[in-house]
Each structure stands twice: as structure tokens, then as C-alpha cells.
PDB file of N, CA and C in Angstrom:
ATOM      1  N   MET A   1     -37.285  -5.678  14.255  1.00  0.00           N
ATOM      2  CA  MET A   1     -36.355  -4.572  14.314  1.00  0.00           C
ATOM      3  C   MET A   1     -35.074  -4.958  13.565  1.00  0.00           C
ATOM      4  N   VAL A   2     -34.506  -4.007  12.831  1.00  0.00           N
ATOM      5  CA  VAL A   2     -33.305  -4.245  12.044  1.00  0.00           C
ATOM      6  C   VAL A   2     -32.093  -3.682  12.789  1.00  0.00           C
ATOM      7  N   ASP A   3     -31.060  -4.506  12.906  1.00  0.00           N
ATOM      8  CA  ASP A   3     -29.823  -4.069  13.548  1.00  0.00           C
ATOM      9  C   ASP A   3     -28.890  -3.543  12.456  1.00  0.00           C
ATOM     10  N   LEU A   4     -28.824  -2.212  12.326  1.00  0.00           N
ATOM     11  CA  LEU A   4     -28.038  -1.594  11.261  1.00  0.00           C
ATOM     12  C   LEU A   4     -26.543  -1.837  11.414  1.00  0.00           C
ATOM     13  N   SER A   5     -26.088  -2.164  12.606  1.00  0.00           N
ATOM     14  CA  SER A   5     -24.661  -2.424  12.800  1.00  0.00           C
ATOM     15  C   SER A   5     -24.222  -3.722  12.121  1.00  0.00           C
ATOM     16  N   LYS A   6     -25.175  -4.552  11.748  1.00  0.00           N
ATOM     17  CA  LYS A   6     -24.861  -5.833  11.105  1.00  0.00           C
ATOM     18  C   LYS A   6     -24.816  -5.722   9.574  1.00  0.00           C
ATOM     19  N   LEU A   7     -25.189  -4.576   9.049  1.00  0.00           N
ATOM     20  CA  LEU A   7     -25.193  -4.395   7.603  1.00  0.00           C
ATOM     21  C   LEU A   7     -23.768  -4.327   7.079  1.00  0.00           C
ATOM     22  N   GLU A   8     -23.552  -4.900   5.914  1.00  0.00           N
ATOM     23  CA  GLU A   8     -22.244  -4.850   5.266  1.00  0.00           C
ATOM     24  C   GLU A   8     -22.363  -4.039   3.987  1.00  0.00           C
ATOM     25  N   LEU A   9     -21.370  -3.192   3.744  1.00  0.00           N
ATOM     26  CA  LEU A   9     -21.354  -2.415   2.514  1.00  0.00           C
ATOM     27  C   LEU A   9     -21.029  -3.335   1.344  1.00  0.00           C
ATOM     28  N   ILE A  10     -21.675  -3.100   0.236  1.00  0.00           N
ATOM     29  CA  ILE A  10     -21.381  -3.850  -0.969  1.00  0.00           C
ATOM     30  C   ILE A  10     -20.179  -3.188  -1.631  1.00  0.00           C
ATOM     31  N   LYS A  11     -19.160  -3.978  -1.904  1.00  0.00           N
ATOM     32  CA  LYS A  11     -17.949  -3.433  -2.515  1.00  0.00           C
ATOM     33  C   LYS A  11     -18.136  -3.323  -4.025  1.00  0.00           C
ATOM     34  N   THR A  12     -17.770  -2.174  -4.550  1.00  0.00           N
ATOM     35  CA  THR A  12     -17.838  -1.955  -5.990  1.00  0.00           C
ATOM     36  C   THR A  12     -16.577  -2.519  -6.638  1.00  0.00           C
ATOM     37  N   GLU A  13     -16.564  -2.538  -7.968  1.00  0.00           N
ATOM     38  CA  GLU A  13     -15.366  -2.969  -8.685  1.00  0.00           C
ATOM     39  C   GLU A  13     -14.187  -2.063  -8.337  1.00  0.00           C
ATOM     40  N   GLN A  14     -14.456  -0.768  -8.182  1.00  0.00           N
ATOM     41  CA  GLN A  14     -13.395   0.168  -7.821  1.00  0.00           C
ATOM     42  C   GLN A  14     -12.861  -0.118  -6.422  1.00  0.00           C
ATOM     43  N   ASP A  15     -13.756  -0.442  -5.501  1.00  0.00           N
ATOM     44  CA  ASP A  15     -13.329  -0.806  -4.145  1.00  0.00           C
ATOM     45  C   ASP A  15     -12.403  -2.022  -4.186  1.00  0.00           C
ATOM     46  N   MET A  16     -12.761  -3.005  -4.990  1.00  0.00           N
ATOM     47  CA  MET A  16     -11.958  -4.221  -5.102  1.00  0.00           C
ATOM     48  C   MET A  16     -10.608  -3.918  -5.752  1.00  0.00           C
ATOM     49  N   ALA A  17     -10.612  -3.072  -6.784  1.00  0.00           N
ATOM     50  CA  ALA A  17      -9.358  -2.685  -7.443  1.00  0.00           C
ATOM     51  C   ALA A  17      -8.461  -1.924  -6.467  1.00  0.00           C
ATOM     52  N   ASP A  18      -9.062  -1.033  -5.664  1.00  0.00           N
ATOM     53  CA  ASP A  18      -8.295  -0.278  -4.675  1.00  0.00           C
ATOM     54  C   ASP A  18      -7.675  -1.204  -3.626  1.00  0.00           C
ATOM     55  N   LEU A  19      -8.449  -2.190  -3.170  1.00  0.00           N
ATOM     56  CA  LEU A  19      -7.926  -3.145  -2.187  1.00  0.00           C
ATOM     57  C   LEU A  19      -6.770  -3.943  -2.783  1.00  0.00           C
ATOM     58  N   ASN A  20      -6.899  -4.319  -4.047  1.00  0.00           N
ATOM     59  CA  ASN A  20      -5.835  -5.047  -4.729  1.00  0.00           C
ATOM     60  C   ASN A  20      -4.582  -4.180  -4.844  1.00  0.00           C
ATOM     61  N   SER A  21      -4.747  -2.929  -5.254  1.00  0.00           N
ATOM     62  CA  SER A  21      -3.615  -2.004  -5.382  1.00  0.00           C
ATOM     63  C   SER A  21      -2.949  -1.766  -4.038  1.00  0.00           C
ATOM     64  N   LEU A  22      -3.743  -1.631  -3.012  1.00  0.00           N
ATOM     65  CA  LEU A  22      -3.216  -1.424  -1.661  1.00  0.00           C
ATOM     66  C   LEU A  22      -2.388  -2.635  -1.221  1.00  0.00           C
ATOM     67  N   GLY A  23      -2.904  -3.818  -1.465  1.00  0.00           N
ATOM     68  CA  GLY A  23      -2.180  -5.040  -1.112  1.00  0.00           C
ATOM     69  C   GLY A  23      -0.871  -5.176  -1.883  1.00  0.00           C
ATOM     70  N   GLN A  24      -0.919  -4.846  -3.177  1.00  0.00           N
ATOM     71  CA  GLN A  24       0.293  -4.931  -3.998  1.00  0.00           C
ATOM     72  C   GLN A  24       1.342  -3.929  -3.530  1.00  0.00           C
ATOM     73  N   ALA A  25       0.909  -2.724  -3.194  1.00  0.00           N
ATOM     74  CA  ALA A  25       1.848  -1.695  -2.732  1.00  0.00           C
ATOM     75  C   ALA A  25       2.500  -2.117  -1.423  1.00  0.00           C
ATOM     76  N   ARG A  26       1.704  -2.632  -0.505  1.00  0.00           N
ATOM     77  CA  ARG A  26       2.254  -3.084   0.780  1.00  0.00           C
ATOM     78  C   ARG A  26       3.218  -4.254   0.579  1.00  0.00           C
ATOM     79  N   ALA A  27       2.864  -5.180  -0.301  1.00  0.00           N
ATOM     80  CA  ALA A  27       3.724  -6.333  -0.568  1.00  0.00           C
ATOM     81  C   ALA A  27       5.045  -5.887  -1.191  1.00  0.00           C
ATOM     82  N   TYR A  28       4.998  -4.922  -2.110  1.00  0.00           N
ATOM     83  CA  TYR A  28       6.217  -4.447  -2.748  1.00  0.00           C
ATOM     84  C   TYR A  28       7.158  -3.823  -1.723  1.00  0.00           C
ATOM     85  N   LEU A  29       6.606  -3.006  -0.843  1.00  0.00           N
ATOM     86  CA  LEU A  29       7.452  -2.401   0.187  1.00  0.00           C
ATOM     87  C   LEU A  29       8.064  -3.480   1.074  1.00  0.00           C
ATOM     88  N   LYS A  30       7.272  -4.471   1.436  1.00  0.00           N
ATOM     89  CA  LYS A  30       7.776  -5.537   2.291  1.00  0.00           C
ATOM     90  C   LYS A  30       8.901  -6.307   1.592  1.00  0.00           C
ATOM     91  N   GLU A  31       8.729  -6.572   0.289  1.00  0.00           N
ATOM     92  CA  GLU A  31       9.731  -7.319  -0.476  1.00  0.00           C
ATOM     93  C   GLU A  31      11.030  -6.536  -0.664  1.00  0.00           C
ATOM     94  N   THR A  32      10.934  -5.224  -0.679  1.00  0.00           N
ATOM     95  CA  THR A  32      12.118  -4.407  -0.967  1.00  0.00           C
ATOM     96  C   THR A  32      12.659  -3.670   0.255  1.00  0.00           C
ATOM     97  N   ASN A  33      12.118  -3.963   1.421  1.00  0.00           N
ATOM     98  CA  ASN A  33      12.611  -3.316   2.646  1.00  0.00           C
ATOM     99  C   ASN A  33      14.096  -3.560   2.866  1.00  0.00           C
ATOM    100  N   TRP A  34      14.604  -4.698   2.393  1.00  0.00           N
ATOM    101  CA  TRP A  34      16.014  -5.003   2.618  1.00  0.00           C
ATOM    102  C   TRP A  34      16.917  -3.955   1.981  1.00  0.00           C
ATOM    103  N   HIS A  35      16.444  -3.329   0.888  1.00  0.00           N
ATOM    104  CA  HIS A  35      17.236  -2.262   0.274  1.00  0.00           C
ATOM    105  C   HIS A  35      17.406  -1.090   1.250  1.00  0.00           C
ATOM    106  N   ALA A  36      16.308  -0.739   1.910  1.00  0.00           N
ATOM    107  CA  ALA A  36      16.357   0.372   2.868  1.00  0.00           C
ATOM    108  C   ALA A  36      17.257   0.018   4.049  1.00  0.00           C
ATOM    109  N   PHE A  37      17.170  -1.229   4.516  1.00  0.00           N
ATOM    110  CA  PHE A  37      18.019  -1.649   5.630  1.00  0.00           C
ATOM    111  C   PHE A  37      19.488  -1.640   5.217  1.00  0.00           C
ATOM    112  N   ALA A  38      19.778  -2.091   3.996  1.00  0.00           N
ATOM    113  CA  ALA A  38      21.166  -2.104   3.513  1.00  0.00           C
ATOM    114  C   ALA A  38      21.711  -0.677   3.412  1.00  0.00           C
ATOM    115  N   LEU A  39      20.852   0.260   3.019  1.00  0.00           N
ATOM    116  CA  LEU A  39      21.270   1.662   2.951  1.00  0.00           C
ATOM    117  C   LEU A  39      21.616   2.187   4.340  1.00  0.00           C
ATOM    118  N   ILE A  40      20.749   1.906   5.296  1.00  0.00           N
ATOM    119  CA  ILE A  40      20.947   2.399   6.658  1.00  0.00           C
ATOM    120  C   ILE A  40      22.154   1.732   7.311  1.00  0.00           C
ATOM    121  N   GLU A  41      22.250   0.422   7.184  1.00  0.00           N
ATOM    122  CA  GLU A  41      23.292  -0.311   7.894  1.00  0.00           C
ATOM    123  C   GLU A  41      24.659  -0.238   7.219  1.00  0.00           C
ATOM    124  N   GLU A  42      24.674  -0.260   5.885  1.00  0.00           N
ATOM    125  CA  GLU A  42      25.954  -0.378   5.194  1.00  0.00           C
ATOM    126  C   GLU A  42      26.228   0.745   4.199  1.00  0.00           C
ATOM    127  N   GLY A  43      25.240   1.606   3.993  1.00  0.00           N
ATOM    128  CA  GLY A  43      25.419   2.685   3.030  1.00  0.00           C
ATOM    129  C   GLY A  43      25.263   2.239   1.582  1.00  0.00           C
ATOM    130  N   THR A  44      24.715   1.037   1.355  1.00  0.00           N
ATOM    131  CA  THR A  44      24.516   0.531  -0.002  1.00  0.00           C
ATOM    132  C   THR A  44      23.385   1.319  -0.666  1.00  0.00           C
ATOM    133  N   PRO A  45      23.662   1.979  -1.781  1.00  0.00           N
ATOM    134  CA  PRO A  45      22.631   2.791  -2.423  1.00  0.00           C
ATOM    135  C   PRO A  45      21.471   1.948  -2.964  1.00  0.00           C
ATOM    136  N   ILE A  46      20.303   2.522  -2.933  1.00  0.00           N
ATOM    137  CA  ILE A  46      19.119   1.881  -3.495  1.00  0.00           C
ATOM    138  C   ILE A  46      19.056   2.256  -4.976  1.00  0.00           C
ATOM    139  N   PRO A  47      18.913   1.274  -5.877  1.00  0.00           N
ATOM    140  CA  PRO A  47      18.788   1.591  -7.298  1.00  0.00           C
ATOM    141  C   PRO A  47      17.615   2.548  -7.543  1.00  0.00           C
ATOM    142  N   GLU A  48      17.785   3.455  -8.492  1.00  0.00           N
ATOM    143  CA  GLU A  48      16.776   4.490  -8.741  1.00  0.00           C
ATOM    144  C   GLU A  48      15.406   3.918  -9.082  1.00  0.00           C
ATOM    145  N   ASP A  49      15.351   2.825  -9.863  1.00  0.00           N
ATOM    146  CA  ASP A  49      14.046   2.261 -10.222  1.00  0.00           C
ATOM    147  C   ASP A  49      13.318   1.731  -8.996  1.00  0.00           C
ATOM    148  N   ILE A  50      14.056   1.146  -8.073  1.00  0.00           N
ATOM    149  CA  ILE A  50      13.443   0.627  -6.846  1.00  0.00           C
ATOM    150  C   ILE A  50      13.049   1.782  -5.930  1.00  0.00           C
ATOM    151  N   LYS A  51      13.899   2.791  -5.844  1.00  0.00           N
ATOM    152  CA  LYS A  51      13.582   3.965  -5.028  1.00  0.00           C
ATOM    153  C   LYS A  51      12.305   4.628  -5.526  1.00  0.00           C
ATOM    154  N   SER A  52      12.178   4.759  -6.846  1.00  0.00           N
ATOM    155  CA  SER A  52      10.996   5.378  -7.445  1.00  0.00           C
ATOM    156  C   SER A  52       9.741   4.528  -7.211  1.00  0.00           C
ATOM    157  N   ALA A  53       9.875   3.215  -7.397  1.00  0.00           N
ATOM    158  CA  ALA A  53       8.722   2.328  -7.196  1.00  0.00           C
ATOM    159  C   ALA A  53       8.292   2.298  -5.739  1.00  0.00           C
ATOM    160  N   ARG A  54       9.252   2.366  -4.816  1.00  0.00           N
ATOM    161  CA  ARG A  54       8.898   2.407  -3.391  1.00  0.00           C
ATOM    162  C   ARG A  54       8.158   3.696  -3.057  1.00  0.00           C
ATOM    163  N   SER A  55       8.588   4.793  -3.663  1.00  0.00           N
ATOM    164  CA  SER A  55       7.915   6.073  -3.452  1.00  0.00           C
ATOM    165  C   SER A  55       6.479   6.020  -3.972  1.00  0.00           C
ATOM    166  N   GLU A  56       6.299   5.430  -5.149  1.00  0.00           N
ATOM    167  CA  GLU A  56       4.948   5.275  -5.706  1.00  0.00           C
ATOM    168  C   GLU A  56       4.090   4.375  -4.825  1.00  0.00           C
ATOM    169  N   ALA A  57       4.684   3.313  -4.292  1.00  0.00           N
ATOM    170  CA  ALA A  57       3.938   2.408  -3.412  1.00  0.00           C
ATOM    171  C   ALA A  57       3.484   3.139  -2.151  1.00  0.00           C
ATOM    172  N   ARG A  58       4.378   3.947  -1.577  1.00  0.00           N
ATOM    173  CA  ARG A  58       3.986   4.719  -0.382  1.00  0.00           C
ATOM    174  C   ARG A  58       2.871   5.711  -0.704  1.00  0.00           C
ATOM    175  N   ALA A  59       2.929   6.335  -1.878  1.00  0.00           N
ATOM    176  CA  ALA A  59       1.882   7.281  -2.281  1.00  0.00           C
ATOM    177  C   ALA A  59       0.546   6.551  -2.459  1.00  0.00           C
ATOM    178  N   THR A  60       0.588   5.365  -3.036  1.00  0.00           N
ATOM    179  CA  THR A  60      -0.627   4.563  -3.215  1.00  0.00           C
ATOM    180  C   THR A  60      -1.223   4.207  -1.861  1.00  0.00           C
ATOM    181  N   ILE A  61      -0.388   3.766  -0.944  1.00  0.00           N
ATOM    182  CA  ILE A  61      -0.869   3.404   0.390  1.00  0.00           C
ATOM    183  C   ILE A  61      -1.473   4.617   1.083  1.00  0.00           C
ATOM    184  N   SER A  62      -0.807   5.748   0.975  1.00  0.00           N
ATOM    185  CA  SER A  62      -1.323   6.969   1.604  1.00  0.00           C
ATOM    186  C   SER A  62      -2.671   7.365   1.011  1.00  0.00           C
ATOM    187  N   ARG A  63      -2.773   7.304  -0.305  1.00  0.00           N
ATOM    188  CA  ARG A  63      -4.017   7.695  -0.984  1.00  0.00           C
ATOM    189  C   ARG A  63      -5.168   6.757  -0.667  1.00  0.00           C
ATOM    190  N   LEU A  64      -4.911   5.452  -0.664  1.00  0.00           N
ATOM    191  CA  LEU A  64      -5.973   4.479  -0.492  1.00  0.00           C
ATOM    192  C   LEU A  64      -6.286   4.160   0.963  1.00  0.00           C
ATOM    193  N   SER A  65      -5.438   4.571   1.867  1.00  0.00           N
ATOM    194  CA  SER A  65      -5.679   4.294   3.285  1.00  0.00           C
ATOM    195  C   SER A  65      -6.516   5.376   3.958  1.00  0.00           C
ATOM    196  N   ARG A  66      -6.689   6.494   3.275  1.00  0.00           N
ATOM    197  CA  ARG A  66      -7.506   7.576   3.846  1.00  0.00           C
ATOM    198  C   ARG A  66      -8.969   7.158   3.887  1.00  0.00           C
ATOM    199  N   PRO A  67      -9.661   7.530   4.947  1.00  0.00           N
ATOM    200  CA  PRO A  67     -11.106   7.243   4.989  1.00  0.00           C
ATOM    201  C   PRO A  67     -11.827   7.988   3.866  1.00  0.00           C
ATOM    202  N   LYS A  68     -12.773   7.311   3.246  1.00  0.00           N
ATOM    203  CA  LYS A  68     -13.559   7.947   2.178  1.00  0.00           C
ATOM    204  C   LYS A  68     -14.597   8.869   2.789  1.00  0.00           C
ATOM    205  N   THR A  69     -14.758  10.001   2.129  1.00  0.00           N
ATOM    206  CA  THR A  69     -15.751  10.967   2.638  1.00  0.00           C
ATOM    207  C   THR A  69     -16.914  11.090   1.702  1.00  0.00           C
TER     208      THR A  69
END
């Protein structure tokens, strides 16, 4: 008898690229969180390039974190 719960999906190149992009987006947000804290605590503005990149990182995380259908 085969236990189907033990089967592992084979990851495609796209799956691996998506995991890499997801990791990079999460790392970028983590590295730049201090900008958001400085804005909240001291009113220090976030540079536009960082604000834009953080927005793109959040969009990437949102897109890649959804369950595939």
C-alpha cells in the first residue's frame, strides 16, 4: 500500500525562482524596516527609492504567498 501523504511535489525551476524571489523580498523588508520605524518614531521621511522598493517587495510577497490553484 502506498501512503500518499508521504509524497513530495517536485519543484520546477519556476517554483525555485519564486521561492528565491520570496526570500529576497522578505529579506529586503527586514533590512529596511528601520526606515519605517524611524518614520513612525521620529518623523524621518523614507527615501522614495526605498519606499518604492518596499512596496514592490510587499507586492511580491502577496503574489507569491497565495496558494496555487
